[in-house]
Amino acid sequence: MVLFCASGTGIYGSLVLGMTQDSSILISKAILDFFTAIIFACTLGKTVALVSIPQFMVMMLMFMLSRFILPFCTETMICDFKACGGILMLATGLKMCKIKDFPLADMLPSMILVLVFSFMWP
């Protein structure tokens, strides 16, 4: 459930979709999640399909919150946010390839902190 609902790609993709109307990241995540779900379904069975309910709720919450955050954001803040998301996606890829094990759940607050820091130091 953590892999599908709290991934950096999903949260970043939902926020980017709400802020810039760019759905390419969420489409890529959907394709990756499809194949990951097939692999998990081989061992866990049909219960893997139930993960879609909390995943939808988390992604929709992020999407809705991004519309409230956007009016307070400058172009620099959005660029810093995208850079932070890119670093999280790189860390996700390195973890998936078993090159380096990053604590991705601990890195998720950086998505909010980068907006605050970017606002404080333009």
PDB file of N, CA and C in Angstrom:
ATOM      1  N   MET A   1       0.818  -1.189   0.000  1.00  0.00           N
ATOM      2  CA  MET A   1       0.000   0.000   0.000  1.00  0.00           C
ATOM      3  C   MET A   1       0.869   1.262   0.000  1.00  0.00           C
ATOM      4  N   VAL A   2       1.979   1.225   0.749  1.00  0.00           N
ATOM      5  CA  VAL A   2       2.874   2.380   0.783  1.00  0.00           C
ATOM      6  C   VAL A   2       3.480   2.626  -0.586  1.00  0.00           C
ATOM      7  N   LEU A   3       3.823   1.560  -1.286  1.00  0.00           N
ATOM      8  CA  LEU A   3       4.425   1.699  -2.606  1.00  0.00           C
ATOM      9  C   LEU A   3       3.494   2.421  -3.574  1.00  0.00           C
ATOM     10  N   PHE A   4       2.222   2.095  -3.541  1.00  0.00           N
ATOM     11  CA  PHE A   4       1.279   2.698  -4.470  1.00  0.00           C
ATOM     12  C   PHE A   4       0.793   4.064  -4.003  1.00  0.00           C
ATOM     13  N   CYS A   5       0.503   4.214  -2.710  1.00  0.00           N
ATOM     14  CA  CYS A   5      -0.159   5.428  -2.210  1.00  0.00           C
ATOM     15  C   CYS A   5       0.798   6.543  -1.804  1.00  0.00           C
ATOM     16  N   ALA A   6       1.949   6.204  -1.305  1.00  0.00           N
ATOM     17  CA  ALA A   6       2.854   7.230  -0.772  1.00  0.00           C
ATOM     18  C   ALA A   6       4.142   7.334  -1.571  1.00  0.00           C
ATOM     19  N   SER A   7       4.097   6.987  -2.824  1.00  0.00           N
ATOM     20  CA  SER A   7       5.311   7.092  -3.627  1.00  0.00           C
ATOM     21  C   SER A   7       5.563   8.551  -3.989  1.00  0.00           C
ATOM     22  N   GLY A   8       6.818   8.903  -4.099  1.00  0.00           N
ATOM     23  CA  GLY A   8       7.170  10.264  -4.475  1.00  0.00           C
ATOM     24  C   GLY A   8       6.633  10.630  -5.844  1.00  0.00           C
ATOM     25  N   THR A   9       6.633   9.671  -6.759  1.00  0.00           N
ATOM     26  CA  THR A   9       6.134   9.929  -8.101  1.00  0.00           C
ATOM     27  C   THR A   9       4.646  10.243  -8.097  1.00  0.00           C
ATOM     28  N   GLY A  10       3.881   9.525  -7.300  1.00  0.00           N
ATOM     29  CA  GLY A  10       2.441   9.754  -7.260  1.00  0.00           C
ATOM     30  C   GLY A  10       2.074  11.091  -6.648  1.00  0.00           C
ATOM     31  N   ILE A  11       2.696  11.416  -5.532  1.00  0.00           N
ATOM     32  CA  ILE A  11       2.407  12.690  -4.873  1.00  0.00           C
ATOM     33  C   ILE A  11       2.909  13.849  -5.727  1.00  0.00           C
ATOM     34  N   TYR A  12       4.116  13.720  -6.240  1.00  0.00           N
ATOM     35  CA  TYR A  12       4.660  14.764  -7.113  1.00  0.00           C
ATOM     36  C   TYR A  12       3.813  14.913  -8.375  1.00  0.00           C
ATOM     37  N   GLY A  13       3.425  13.792  -8.971  1.00  0.00           N
ATOM     38  CA  GLY A  13       2.609  13.841 -10.193  1.00  0.00           C
ATOM     39  C   GLY A  13       1.251  14.477  -9.964  1.00  0.00           C
ATOM     40  N   SER A  14       0.629  14.186  -8.835  1.00  0.00           N
ATOM     41  CA  SER A  14      -0.670  14.782  -8.525  1.00  0.00           C
ATOM     42  C   SER A  14      -0.560  16.286  -8.316  1.00  0.00           C
ATOM     43  N   LEU A  15       0.474  16.706  -7.615  1.00  0.00           N
ATOM     44  CA  LEU A  15       0.664  18.134  -7.390  1.00  0.00           C
ATOM     45  C   LEU A  15       0.998  18.866  -8.686  1.00  0.00           C
ATOM     46  N   VAL A  16       1.839  18.264  -9.525  1.00  0.00           N
ATOM     47  CA  VAL A  16       2.181  18.888 -10.801  1.00  0.00           C
ATOM     48  C   VAL A  16       0.951  18.973 -11.704  1.00  0.00           C
ATOM     49  N   LEU A  17       0.127  17.931 -11.716  1.00  0.00           N
ATOM     50  CA  LEU A  17      -1.097  17.963 -12.522  1.00  0.00           C
ATOM     51  C   LEU A  17      -2.011  19.094 -12.064  1.00  0.00           C
ATOM     52  N   GLY A  18      -2.145  19.280 -10.765  1.00  0.00           N
ATOM     53  CA  GLY A  18      -2.985  20.359 -10.267  1.00  0.00           C
ATOM     54  C   GLY A  18      -2.414  21.736 -10.526  1.00  0.00           C
ATOM     55  N   MET A  19      -1.085  21.856 -10.514  1.00  0.00           N
ATOM     56  CA  MET A  19      -0.458  23.161 -10.683  1.00  0.00           C
ATOM     57  C   MET A  19      -0.272  23.544 -12.147  1.00  0.00           C
ATOM     58  N   THR A  20       0.133  22.589 -12.977  1.00  0.00           N
ATOM     59  CA  THR A  20       0.501  22.920 -14.360  1.00  0.00           C
ATOM     60  C   THR A  20      -0.328  22.210 -15.421  1.00  0.00           C
ATOM     61  N   GLN A  21      -1.257  21.361 -15.022  1.00  0.00           N
ATOM     62  CA  GLN A  21      -2.103  20.592 -15.941  1.00  0.00           C
ATOM     63  C   GLN A  21      -1.286  19.623 -16.807  1.00  0.00           C
ATOM     64  N   ASP A  22      -0.108  19.224 -16.343  1.00  0.00           N
ATOM     65  CA  ASP A  22       0.745  18.264 -17.050  1.00  0.00           C
ATOM     66  C   ASP A  22       0.539  16.879 -16.440  1.00  0.00           C
ATOM     67  N   SER A  23      -0.082  15.991 -17.191  1.00  0.00           N
ATOM     68  CA  SER A  23      -0.418  14.665 -16.657  1.00  0.00           C
ATOM     69  C   SER A  23       0.593  13.588 -17.039  1.00  0.00           C
ATOM     70  N   SER A  24       1.690  13.940 -17.652  1.00  0.00           N
ATOM     71  CA  SER A  24       2.643  12.939 -18.141  1.00  0.00           C
ATOM     72  C   SER A  24       3.245  12.105 -17.007  1.00  0.00           C
ATOM     73  N   ILE A  25       3.491  12.712 -15.861  1.00  0.00           N
ATOM     74  CA  ILE A  25       4.084  11.967 -14.740  1.00  0.00           C
ATOM     75  C   ILE A  25       3.098  10.943 -14.206  1.00  0.00           C
ATOM     76  N   LEU A  26       1.822  11.327 -14.076  1.00  0.00           N
ATOM     77  CA  LEU A  26       0.827  10.373 -13.571  1.00  0.00           C
ATOM     78  C   LEU A  26       0.556   9.256 -14.575  1.00  0.00           C
ATOM     79  N   ILE A  27       0.648   9.545 -15.853  1.00  0.00           N
ATOM     80  CA  ILE A  27       0.478   8.486 -16.859  1.00  0.00           C
ATOM     81  C   ILE A  27       1.620   7.480 -16.745  1.00  0.00           C
ATOM     82  N   SER A  28       2.840   7.984 -16.579  1.00  0.00           N
ATOM     83  CA  SER A  28       3.995   7.090 -16.397  1.00  0.00           C
ATOM     84  C   SER A  28       3.843   6.256 -15.127  1.00  0.00           C
ATOM     85  N   LYS A  29       3.361   6.883 -14.052  1.00  0.00           N
ATOM     86  CA  LYS A  29       3.150   6.149 -12.803  1.00  0.00           C
ATOM     87  C   LYS A  29       2.081   5.088 -12.974  1.00  0.00           C
ATOM     88  N   ALA A  30       1.035   5.382 -13.714  1.00  0.00           N
ATOM     89  CA  ALA A  30      -0.029   4.404 -13.923  1.00  0.00           C
ATOM     90  C   ALA A  30       0.496   3.174 -14.660  1.00  0.00           C
ATOM     91  N   ILE A  31       1.344   3.389 -15.640  1.00  0.00           N
ATOM     92  CA  ILE A  31       1.918   2.268 -16.388  1.00  0.00           C
ATOM     93  C   ILE A  31       2.821   1.436 -15.475  1.00  0.00           C
ATOM     94  N   LEU A  32       3.667   2.103 -14.690  1.00  0.00           N
ATOM     95  CA  LEU A  32       4.540   1.382 -13.766  1.00  0.00           C
ATOM     96  C   LEU A  32       3.737   0.643 -12.696  1.00  0.00           C
ATOM     97  N   ASP A  33       2.695   1.300 -12.166  1.00  0.00           N
ATOM     98  CA  ASP A  33       1.862   0.659 -11.147  1.00  0.00           C
ATOM     99  C   ASP A  33       1.110  -0.546 -11.701  1.00  0.00           C
ATOM    100  N   PHE A  34       0.729  -0.497 -12.962  1.00  0.00           N
ATOM    101  CA  PHE A  34       0.027  -1.626 -13.568  1.00  0.00           C
ATOM    102  C   PHE A  34       0.890  -2.877 -13.538  1.00  0.00           C
ATOM    103  N   PHE A  35       2.131  -2.745 -13.964  1.00  0.00           N
ATOM    104  CA  PHE A  35       3.015  -3.910 -13.991  1.00  0.00           C
ATOM    105  C   PHE A  35       3.425  -4.339 -12.577  1.00  0.00           C
ATOM    106  N   THR A  36       3.590  -3.373 -11.683  1.00  0.00           N
ATOM    107  CA  THR A  36       3.894  -3.708 -10.298  1.00  0.00           C
ATOM    108  C   THR A  36       2.728  -4.444  -9.657  1.00  0.00           C
ATOM    109  N   ALA A  37       1.518  -4.010  -9.938  1.00  0.00           N
ATOM    110  CA  ALA A  37       0.330  -4.670  -9.382  1.00  0.00           C
ATOM    111  C   ALA A  37       0.195  -6.100  -9.901  1.00  0.00           C
ATOM    112  N   ILE A  38       0.558  -6.326 -11.149  1.00  0.00           N
ATOM    113  CA  ILE A  38       0.516  -7.685 -11.696  1.00  0.00           C
ATOM    114  C   ILE A  38       1.489  -8.595 -10.922  1.00  0.00           C
ATOM    115  N   ILE A  39       2.664  -8.073 -10.644  1.00  0.00           N
ATOM    116  CA  ILE A  39       3.653  -8.864  -9.911  1.00  0.00           C
ATOM    117  C   ILE A  39       3.166  -9.154  -8.492  1.00  0.00           C
ATOM    118  N   PHE A  40       2.626  -8.129  -7.821  1.00  0.00           N
ATOM    119  CA  PHE A  40       2.119  -8.333  -6.462  1.00  0.00           C
ATOM    120  C   PHE A  40       0.897  -9.246  -6.451  1.00  0.00           C
ATOM    121  N   ALA A  41       0.078  -9.186  -7.484  1.00  0.00           N
ATOM    122  CA  ALA A  41      -1.126 -10.017  -7.530  1.00  0.00           C
ATOM    123  C   ALA A  41      -0.775 -11.500  -7.614  1.00  0.00           C
ATOM    124  N   CYS A  42       0.373 -11.811  -8.161  1.00  0.00           N
ATOM    125  CA  CYS A  42       0.793 -13.216  -8.227  1.00  0.00           C
ATOM    126  C   CYS A  42       0.976 -13.816  -6.840  1.00  0.00           C
ATOM    127  N   THR A  43       1.391 -13.008  -5.890  1.00  0.00           N
ATOM    128  CA  THR A  43       1.613 -13.529  -4.541  1.00  0.00           C
ATOM    129  C   THR A  43       0.499 -13.163  -3.568  1.00  0.00           C
ATOM    130  N   LEU A  44      -0.114 -11.989  -3.727  1.00  0.00           N
ATOM    131  CA  LEU A  44      -1.114 -11.523  -2.768  1.00  0.00           C
ATOM    132  C   LEU A  44      -2.554 -11.740  -3.219  1.00  0.00           C
ATOM    133  N   GLY A  45      -2.749 -12.002  -4.481  1.00  0.00           N
ATOM    134  CA  GLY A  45      -4.095 -12.266  -4.979  1.00  0.00           C
ATOM    135  C   GLY A  45      -4.891 -10.998  -5.268  1.00  0.00           C
ATOM    136  N   LYS A  46      -6.210 -11.148  -5.179  1.00  0.00           N
ATOM    137  CA  LYS A  46      -7.119 -10.071  -5.564  1.00  0.00           C
ATOM    138  C   LYS A  46      -7.099  -8.875  -4.621  1.00  0.00           C
ATOM    139  N   THR A  47      -6.540  -9.041  -3.444  1.00  0.00           N
ATOM    140  CA  THR A  47      -6.518  -7.924  -2.494  1.00  0.00           C
ATOM    141  C   THR A  47      -5.698  -6.744  -2.998  1.00  0.00           C
ATOM    142  N   VAL A  48      -4.820  -6.975  -3.967  1.00  0.00           N
ATOM    143  CA  VAL A  48      -4.026  -5.889  -4.541  1.00  0.00           C
ATOM    144  C   VAL A  48      -4.941  -4.847  -5.183  1.00  0.00           C
ATOM    145  N   ALA A  49      -6.059  -5.280  -5.720  1.00  0.00           N
ATOM    146  CA  ALA A  49      -6.989  -4.349  -6.361  1.00  0.00           C
ATOM    147  C   ALA A  49      -7.597  -3.367  -5.356  1.00  0.00           C
ATOM    148  N   LEU A  50      -7.672  -3.755  -4.090  1.00  0.00           N
ATOM    149  CA  LEU A  50      -8.241  -2.872  -3.072  1.00  0.00           C
ATOM    150  C   LEU A  50      -7.349  -1.669  -2.775  1.00  0.00           C
ATOM    151  N   VAL A  51      -6.091  -1.735  -3.145  1.00  0.00           N
ATOM    152  CA  VAL A  51      -5.170  -0.621  -2.928  1.00  0.00           C
ATOM    153  C   VAL A  51      -5.574   0.587  -3.770  1.00  0.00           C
ATOM    154  N   SER A  52      -6.320   0.355  -4.828  1.00  0.00           N
ATOM    155  CA  SER A  52      -6.722   1.466  -5.691  1.00  0.00           C
ATOM    156  C   SER A  52      -7.619   2.472  -4.970  1.00  0.00           C
ATOM    157  N   ILE A  53      -8.339   2.046  -3.947  1.00  0.00           N
ATOM    158  CA  ILE A  53      -9.245   2.954  -3.225  1.00  0.00           C
ATOM    159  C   ILE A  53      -8.458   4.002  -2.423  1.00  0.00           C
ATOM    160  N   PRO A  54      -7.537   3.602  -1.533  1.00  0.00           N
ATOM    161  CA  PRO A  54      -6.771   4.645  -0.840  1.00  0.00           C
ATOM    162  C   PRO A  54      -5.839   5.415  -1.776  1.00  0.00           C
ATOM    163  N   GLN A  55      -5.367   4.757  -2.830  1.00  0.00           N
ATOM    164  CA  GLN A  55      -4.507   5.447  -3.784  1.00  0.00           C
ATOM    165  C   GLN A  55      -5.279   6.574  -4.461  1.00  0.00           C
ATOM    166  N   PHE A  56      -6.505   6.319  -4.864  1.00  0.00           N
ATOM    167  CA  PHE A  56      -7.331   7.351  -5.478  1.00  0.00           C
ATOM    168  C   PHE A  56      -7.557   8.506  -4.496  1.00  0.00           C
ATOM    169  N   MET A  57      -7.832   8.179  -3.241  1.00  0.00           N
ATOM    170  CA  MET A  57      -8.107   9.226  -2.252  1.00  0.00           C
ATOM    171  C   MET A  57      -6.866  10.092  -1.998  1.00  0.00           C
ATOM    172  N   VAL A  58      -5.699   9.479  -1.899  1.00  0.00           N
ATOM    173  CA  VAL A  58      -4.467  10.241  -1.671  1.00  0.00           C
ATOM    174  C   VAL A  58      -4.149  11.128  -2.867  1.00  0.00           C
ATOM    175  N   MET A  59      -4.240  10.576  -4.066  1.00  0.00           N
ATOM    176  CA  MET A  59      -3.930  11.352  -5.270  1.00  0.00           C
ATOM    177  C   MET A  59      -4.925  12.494  -5.471  1.00  0.00           C
ATOM    178  N   MET A  60      -6.199  12.256  -5.206  1.00  0.00           N
ATOM    179  CA  MET A  60      -7.206  13.300  -5.360  1.00  0.00           C
ATOM    180  C   MET A  60      -7.006  14.392  -4.316  1.00  0.00           C
ATOM    181  N   LEU A  61      -6.637  14.028  -3.097  1.00  0.00           N
ATOM    182  CA  LEU A  61      -6.367  15.023  -2.066  1.00  0.00           C
ATOM    183  C   LEU A  61      -5.198  15.922  -2.472  1.00  0.00           C
ATOM    184  N   MET A  62      -4.144  15.316  -2.980  1.00  0.00           N
ATOM    185  CA  MET A  62      -2.993  16.097  -3.435  1.00  0.00           C
ATOM    186  C   MET A  62      -3.364  17.009  -4.603  1.00  0.00           C
ATOM    187  N   PHE A  63      -4.164  16.486  -5.521  1.00  0.00           N
ATOM    188  CA  PHE A  63      -4.601  17.272  -6.672  1.00  0.00           C
ATOM    189  C   PHE A  63      -5.425  18.478  -6.218  1.00  0.00           C
ATOM    190  N   MET A  64      -6.350  18.258  -5.287  1.00  0.00           N
ATOM    191  CA  MET A  64      -7.195  19.353  -4.803  1.00  0.00           C
ATOM    192  C   MET A  64      -6.384  20.372  -3.994  1.00  0.00           C
ATOM    193  N   LEU A  65      -5.451  19.917  -3.179  1.00  0.00           N
ATOM    194  CA  LEU A  65      -4.628  20.833  -2.403  1.00  0.00           C
ATOM    195  C   LEU A  65      -3.737  21.688  -3.296  1.00  0.00           C
ATOM    196  N   SER A  66      -3.315  21.139  -4.412  1.00  0.00           N
ATOM    197  CA  SER A  66      -2.434  21.896  -5.299  1.00  0.00           C
ATOM    198  C   SER A  66      -3.135  23.119  -5.873  1.00  0.00           C
ATOM    199  N   ARG A  67      -4.434  23.063  -6.046  1.00  0.00           N
ATOM    200  CA  ARG A  67      -5.172  24.221  -6.560  1.00  0.00           C
ATOM    201  C   ARG A  67      -5.209  25.354  -5.543  1.00  0.00           C
ATOM    202  N   PHE A  68      -5.156  25.028  -4.248  1.00  0.00           N
ATOM    203  CA  PHE A  68      -5.114  26.066  -3.220  1.00  0.00           C
ATOM    204  C   PHE A  68      -3.703  26.612  -3.034  1.00  0.00           C
ATOM    205  N   ILE A  69      -2.704  25.785  -3.311  1.00  0.00           N
ATOM    206  CA  ILE A  69      -1.308  26.199  -3.153  1.00  0.00           C
ATOM    207  C   ILE A  69      -0.856  27.081  -4.316  1.00  0.00           C
ATOM    208  N   LEU A  70      -1.345  26.821  -5.514  1.00  0.00           N
ATOM    209  CA  LEU A  70      -0.872  27.497  -6.722  1.00  0.00           C
ATOM    210  C   LEU A  70      -0.965  29.019  -6.665  1.00  0.00           C
ATOM    211  N   PRO A  71      -2.049  29.646  -6.178  1.00  0.00           N
ATOM    212  CA  PRO A  71      -2.077  31.118  -6.171  1.00  0.00           C
ATOM    213  C   PRO A  71      -0.982  31.766  -5.332  1.00  0.00           C
ATOM    214  N   PHE A  72      -0.431  31.033  -4.379  1.00  0.00           N
ATOM    215  CA  PHE A  72       0.617  31.580  -3.527  1.00  0.00           C
ATOM    216  C   PHE A  72       2.016  31.299  -4.059  1.00  0.00           C
ATOM    217  N   CYS A  73       2.111  30.571  -5.171  1.00  0.00           N
ATOM    218  CA  CYS A  73       3.406  30.150  -5.705  1.00  0.00           C
ATOM    219  C   CYS A  73       3.905  31.118  -6.772  1.00  0.00           C
ATOM    220  N   THR A  74       5.201  31.352  -6.741  1.00  0.00           N
ATOM    221  CA  THR A  74       5.854  32.101  -7.804  1.00  0.00           C
ATOM    222  C   THR A  74       6.460  31.104  -8.796  1.00  0.00           C
ATOM    223  N   GLU A  75       6.953  31.609  -9.892  1.00  0.00           N
ATOM    224  CA  GLU A  75       7.580  30.733 -10.895  1.00  0.00           C
ATOM    225  C   GLU A  75       8.817  30.039 -10.325  1.00  0.00           C
ATOM    226  N   THR A  76       9.574  30.752  -9.500  1.00  0.00           N
ATOM    227  CA  THR A  76      10.763  30.165  -8.867  1.00  0.00           C
ATOM    228  C   THR A  76      10.376  29.026  -7.933  1.00  0.00           C
ATOM    229  N   MET A  77       9.301  29.214  -7.179  1.00  0.00           N
ATOM    230  CA  MET A  77       8.850  28.164  -6.269  1.00  0.00           C
ATOM    231  C   MET A  77       8.446  26.911  -7.032  1.00  0.00           C
ATOM    232  N   ILE A  78       7.757  27.077  -8.153  1.00  0.00           N
ATOM    233  CA  ILE A  78       7.336  25.925  -8.953  1.00  0.00           C
ATOM    234  C   ILE A  78       8.558  25.215  -9.542  1.00  0.00           C
ATOM    235  N   CYS A  79       9.551  25.987  -9.994  1.00  0.00           N
ATOM    236  CA  CYS A  79      10.773  25.371 -10.527  1.00  0.00           C
ATOM    237  C   CYS A  79      11.527  24.611  -9.434  1.00  0.00           C
ATOM    238  N   ASP A  80      11.600  25.181  -8.243  1.00  0.00           N
ATOM    239  CA  ASP A  80      12.243  24.479  -7.128  1.00  0.00           C
ATOM    240  C   ASP A  80      11.472  23.219  -6.755  1.00  0.00           C
ATOM    241  N   PHE A  81      10.145  23.297  -6.810  1.00  0.00           N
ATOM    242  CA  PHE A  81       9.296  22.143  -6.521  1.00  0.00           C
ATOM    243  C   PHE A  81       9.541  21.028  -7.533  1.00  0.00           C
ATOM    244  N   LYS A  82       9.629  21.389  -8.813  1.00  0.00           N
ATOM    245  CA  LYS A  82       9.901  20.393  -9.854  1.00  0.00           C
ATOM    246  C   LYS A  82      11.285  19.784  -9.687  1.00  0.00           C
ATOM    247  N   ALA A  83      12.263  20.594  -9.290  1.00  0.00           N
ATOM    248  CA  ALA A  83      13.612  20.070  -9.072  1.00  0.00           C
ATOM    249  C   ALA A  83      13.629  19.079  -7.917  1.00  0.00           C
ATOM    250  N   CYS A  84      12.910  19.394  -6.853  1.00  0.00           N
ATOM    251  CA  CYS A  84      12.827  18.480  -5.712  1.00  0.00           C
ATOM    252  C   CYS A  84      12.136  17.178  -6.128  1.00  0.00           C
ATOM    253  N   GLY A  85      11.078  17.288  -6.912  1.00  0.00           N
ATOM    254  CA  GLY A  85      10.395  16.094  -7.405  1.00  0.00           C
ATOM    255  C   GLY A  85      11.286  15.254  -8.301  1.00  0.00           C
ATOM    256  N   GLY A  86      12.112  15.906  -9.098  1.00  0.00           N
ATOM    257  CA  GLY A  86      13.053  15.180  -9.940  1.00  0.00           C
ATOM    258  C   GLY A  86      14.065  14.401  -9.131  1.00  0.00           C
ATOM    259  N   ILE A  87      14.530  15.002  -8.047  1.00  0.00           N
ATOM    260  CA  ILE A  87      15.468  14.303  -7.165  1.00  0.00           C
ATOM    261  C   ILE A  87      14.786  13.106  -6.510  1.00  0.00           C
ATOM    262  N   LEU A  88      13.532  13.279  -6.093  1.00  0.00           N
ATOM    263  CA  LEU A  88      12.793  12.153  -5.504  1.00  0.00           C
ATOM    264  C   LEU A  88      12.571  11.039  -6.530  1.00  0.00           C
ATOM    265  N   MET A  89      12.296  11.408  -7.779  1.00  0.00           N
ATOM    266  CA  MET A  89      12.125  10.376  -8.810  1.00  0.00           C
ATOM    267  C   MET A  89      13.438   9.656  -9.083  1.00  0.00           C
ATOM    268  N   LEU A  90      14.543  10.389  -9.056  1.00  0.00           N
ATOM    269  CA  LEU A  90      15.852   9.759  -9.221  1.00  0.00           C
ATOM    270  C   LEU A  90      16.119   8.782  -8.076  1.00  0.00           C
ATOM    271  N   ALA A  91      15.809   9.205  -6.861  1.00  0.00           N
ATOM    272  CA  ALA A  91      15.987   8.322  -5.701  1.00  0.00           C
ATOM    273  C   ALA A  91      15.087   7.095  -5.807  1.00  0.00           C
ATOM    274  N   THR A  92      13.866   7.276  -6.311  1.00  0.00           N
ATOM    275  CA  THR A  92      12.955   6.144  -6.498  1.00  0.00           C
ATOM    276  C   THR A  92      13.532   5.158  -7.503  1.00  0.00           C
ATOM    277  N   GLY A  93      14.072   5.667  -8.594  1.00  0.00           N
ATOM    278  CA  GLY A  93      14.674   4.802  -9.607  1.00  0.00           C
ATOM    279  C   GLY A  93      15.882   4.041  -9.083  1.00  0.00           C
ATOM    280  N   LEU A  94      16.728   4.729  -8.325  1.00  0.00           N
ATOM    281  CA  LEU A  94      17.898   4.057  -7.749  1.00  0.00           C
ATOM    282  C   LEU A  94      17.494   2.989  -6.746  1.00  0.00           C
ATOM    283  N   LYS A  95      16.413   3.245  -6.007  1.00  0.00           N
ATOM    284  CA  LYS A  95      15.935   2.250  -5.054  1.00  0.00           C
ATOM    285  C   LYS A  95      15.329   1.054  -5.781  1.00  0.00           C
ATOM    286  N   MET A  96      14.575   1.305  -6.841  1.00  0.00           N
ATOM    287  CA  MET A  96      13.953   0.212  -7.594  1.00  0.00           C
ATOM    288  C   MET A  96      15.007  -0.662  -8.264  1.00  0.00           C
ATOM    289  N   CYS A  97      16.096  -0.047  -8.721  1.00  0.00           N
ATOM    290  CA  CYS A  97      17.177  -0.805  -9.360  1.00  0.00           C
ATOM    291  C   CYS A  97      18.128  -1.442  -8.345  1.00  0.00           C
ATOM    292  N   LYS A  98      17.847  -1.199  -7.058  1.00  0.00           N
ATOM    293  CA  LYS A  98      18.668  -1.730  -5.968  1.00  0.00           C
ATOM    294  C   LYS A  98      20.115  -1.249  -6.032  1.00  0.00           C
ATOM    295  N   ILE A  99      20.295  -0.023  -6.519  1.00  0.00           N
ATOM    296  CA  ILE A  99      21.626   0.577  -6.545  1.00  0.00           C
ATOM    297  C   ILE A  99      21.922   1.235  -5.205  1.00  0.00           C
ATOM    298  N   LYS A 100      20.941   1.963  -4.691  1.00  0.00           N
ATOM    299  CA  LYS A 100      21.064   2.652  -3.401  1.00  0.00           C
ATOM    300  C   LYS A 100      19.696   2.646  -2.740  1.00  0.00           C
ATOM    301  N   ASP A 101      19.667   2.334  -1.454  1.00  0.00           N
ATOM    302  CA  ASP A 101      18.407   2.272  -0.729  1.00  0.00           C
ATOM    303  C   ASP A 101      18.163   3.600  -0.016  1.00  0.00           C
ATOM    304  N   PHE A 102      17.199   4.380  -0.541  1.00  0.00           N
ATOM    305  CA  PHE A 102      16.842   5.659   0.052  1.00  0.00           C
ATOM    306  C   PHE A 102      15.560   5.510   0.867  1.00  0.00           C
ATOM    307  N   PRO A 103      15.451   6.212   1.987  1.00  0.00           N
ATOM    308  CA  PRO A 103      14.192   6.222   2.753  1.00  0.00           C
ATOM    309  C   PRO A 103      13.211   7.209   2.115  1.00  0.00           C
ATOM    310  N   LEU A 104      12.502   6.769   1.089  1.00  0.00           N
ATOM    311  CA  LEU A 104      11.660   7.661   0.304  1.00  0.00           C
ATOM    312  C   LEU A 104      10.511   8.254   1.108  1.00  0.00           C
ATOM    313  N   ALA A 105       9.931   7.493   2.011  1.00  0.00           N
ATOM    314  CA  ALA A 105       8.829   8.031   2.817  1.00  0.00           C
ATOM    315  C   ALA A 105       9.310   9.181   3.695  1.00  0.00           C
ATOM    316  N   ASP A 106      10.550   9.118   4.150  1.00  0.00           N
ATOM    317  CA  ASP A 106      11.102  10.200   4.961  1.00  0.00           C
ATOM    318  C   ASP A 106      11.428  11.439   4.122  1.00  0.00           C
ATOM    319  N   MET A 107      11.562  11.260   2.825  1.00  0.00           N
ATOM    320  CA  MET A 107      11.900  12.375   1.938  1.00  0.00           C
ATOM    321  C   MET A 107      10.666  13.125   1.434  1.00  0.00           C
ATOM    322  N   LEU A 108       9.476  12.575   1.610  1.00  0.00           N
ATOM    323  CA  LEU A 108       8.260  13.203   1.083  1.00  0.00           C
ATOM    324  C   LEU A 108       7.978  14.589   1.671  1.00  0.00           C
ATOM    325  N   PRO A 109       8.247  14.853   2.944  1.00  0.00           N
ATOM    326  CA  PRO A 109       8.013  16.221   3.442  1.00  0.00           C
ATOM    327  C   PRO A 109       8.835  17.288   2.726  1.00  0.00           C
ATOM    328  N   SER A 110       9.885  16.894   2.055  1.00  0.00           N
ATOM    329  CA  SER A 110      10.685  17.873   1.322  1.00  0.00           C
ATOM    330  C   SER A 110       9.875  18.560   0.228  1.00  0.00           C
ATOM    331  N   MET A 111       8.824  17.900  -0.264  1.00  0.00           N
ATOM    332  CA  MET A 111       7.983  18.508  -1.299  1.00  0.00           C
ATOM    333  C   MET A 111       7.278  19.756  -0.764  1.00  0.00           C
ATOM    334  N   ILE A 112       6.901  19.762   0.490  1.00  0.00           N
ATOM    335  CA  ILE A 112       6.271  20.929   1.103  1.00  0.00           C
ATOM    336  C   ILE A 112       7.332  21.918   1.583  1.00  0.00           C
ATOM    337  N   LEU A 113       8.396  21.395   2.182  1.00  0.00           N
ATOM    338  CA  LEU A 113       9.437  22.267   2.713  1.00  0.00           C
ATOM    339  C   LEU A 113      10.121  23.078   1.624  1.00  0.00           C
ATOM    340  N   VAL A 114      10.265  22.507   0.442  1.00  0.00           N
ATOM    341  CA  VAL A 114      10.927  23.243  -0.636  1.00  0.00           C
ATOM    342  C   VAL A 114      10.101  24.464  -1.037  1.00  0.00           C
ATOM    343  N   LEU A 115       8.787  24.369  -0.961  1.00  0.00           N
ATOM    344  CA  LEU A 115       7.943  25.533  -1.258  1.00  0.00           C
ATOM    345  C   LEU A 115       8.124  26.617  -0.203  1.00  0.00           C
ATOM    346  N   VAL A 116       8.177  26.213   1.057  1.00  0.00           N
ATOM    347  CA  VAL A 116       8.359  27.177   2.151  1.00  0.00           C
ATOM    348  C   VAL A 116       9.727  27.848   2.053  1.00  0.00           C
ATOM    349  N   PHE A 117      10.776  27.049   1.862  1.00  0.00           N
ATOM    350  CA  PHE A 117      12.124  27.619   1.777  1.00  0.00           C
ATOM    351  C   PHE A 117      12.280  28.521   0.554  1.00  0.00           C
ATOM    352  N   SER A 118      11.690  28.125  -0.547  1.00  0.00           N
ATOM    353  CA  SER A 118      11.780  28.930  -1.760  1.00  0.00           C
ATOM    354  C   SER A 118      11.027  30.257  -1.591  1.00  0.00           C
ATOM    355  N   PHE A 119       9.938  30.242  -0.837  1.00  0.00           N
ATOM    356  CA  PHE A 119       9.191  31.474  -0.569  1.00  0.00           C
ATOM    357  C   PHE A 119       9.980  32.396   0.346  1.00  0.00           C
ATOM    358  N   MET A 120      10.661  31.814   1.328  1.00  0.00           N
ATOM    359  CA  MET A 120      11.408  32.615   2.294  1.00  0.00           C
ATOM    360  C   MET A 120      12.678  33.212   1.694  1.00  0.00           C
ATOM    361  N   TRP A 121      13.340  32.487   0.769  1.00  0.00           N
ATOM    362  CA  TRP A 121      14.574  32.957   0.143  1.00  0.00           C
ATOM    363  C   TRP A 121      14.405  32.972  -1.363  1.00  0.00           C
ATOM    364  N   PRO A 122      13.808  34.052  -1.897  1.00  0.00           N
ATOM    365  CA  PRO A 122      13.535  34.077  -3.355  1.00  0.00           C
ATOM    366  C   PRO A 122      14.787  34.214  -4.193  1.00  0.00           C
TER     367      PRO A 122
END
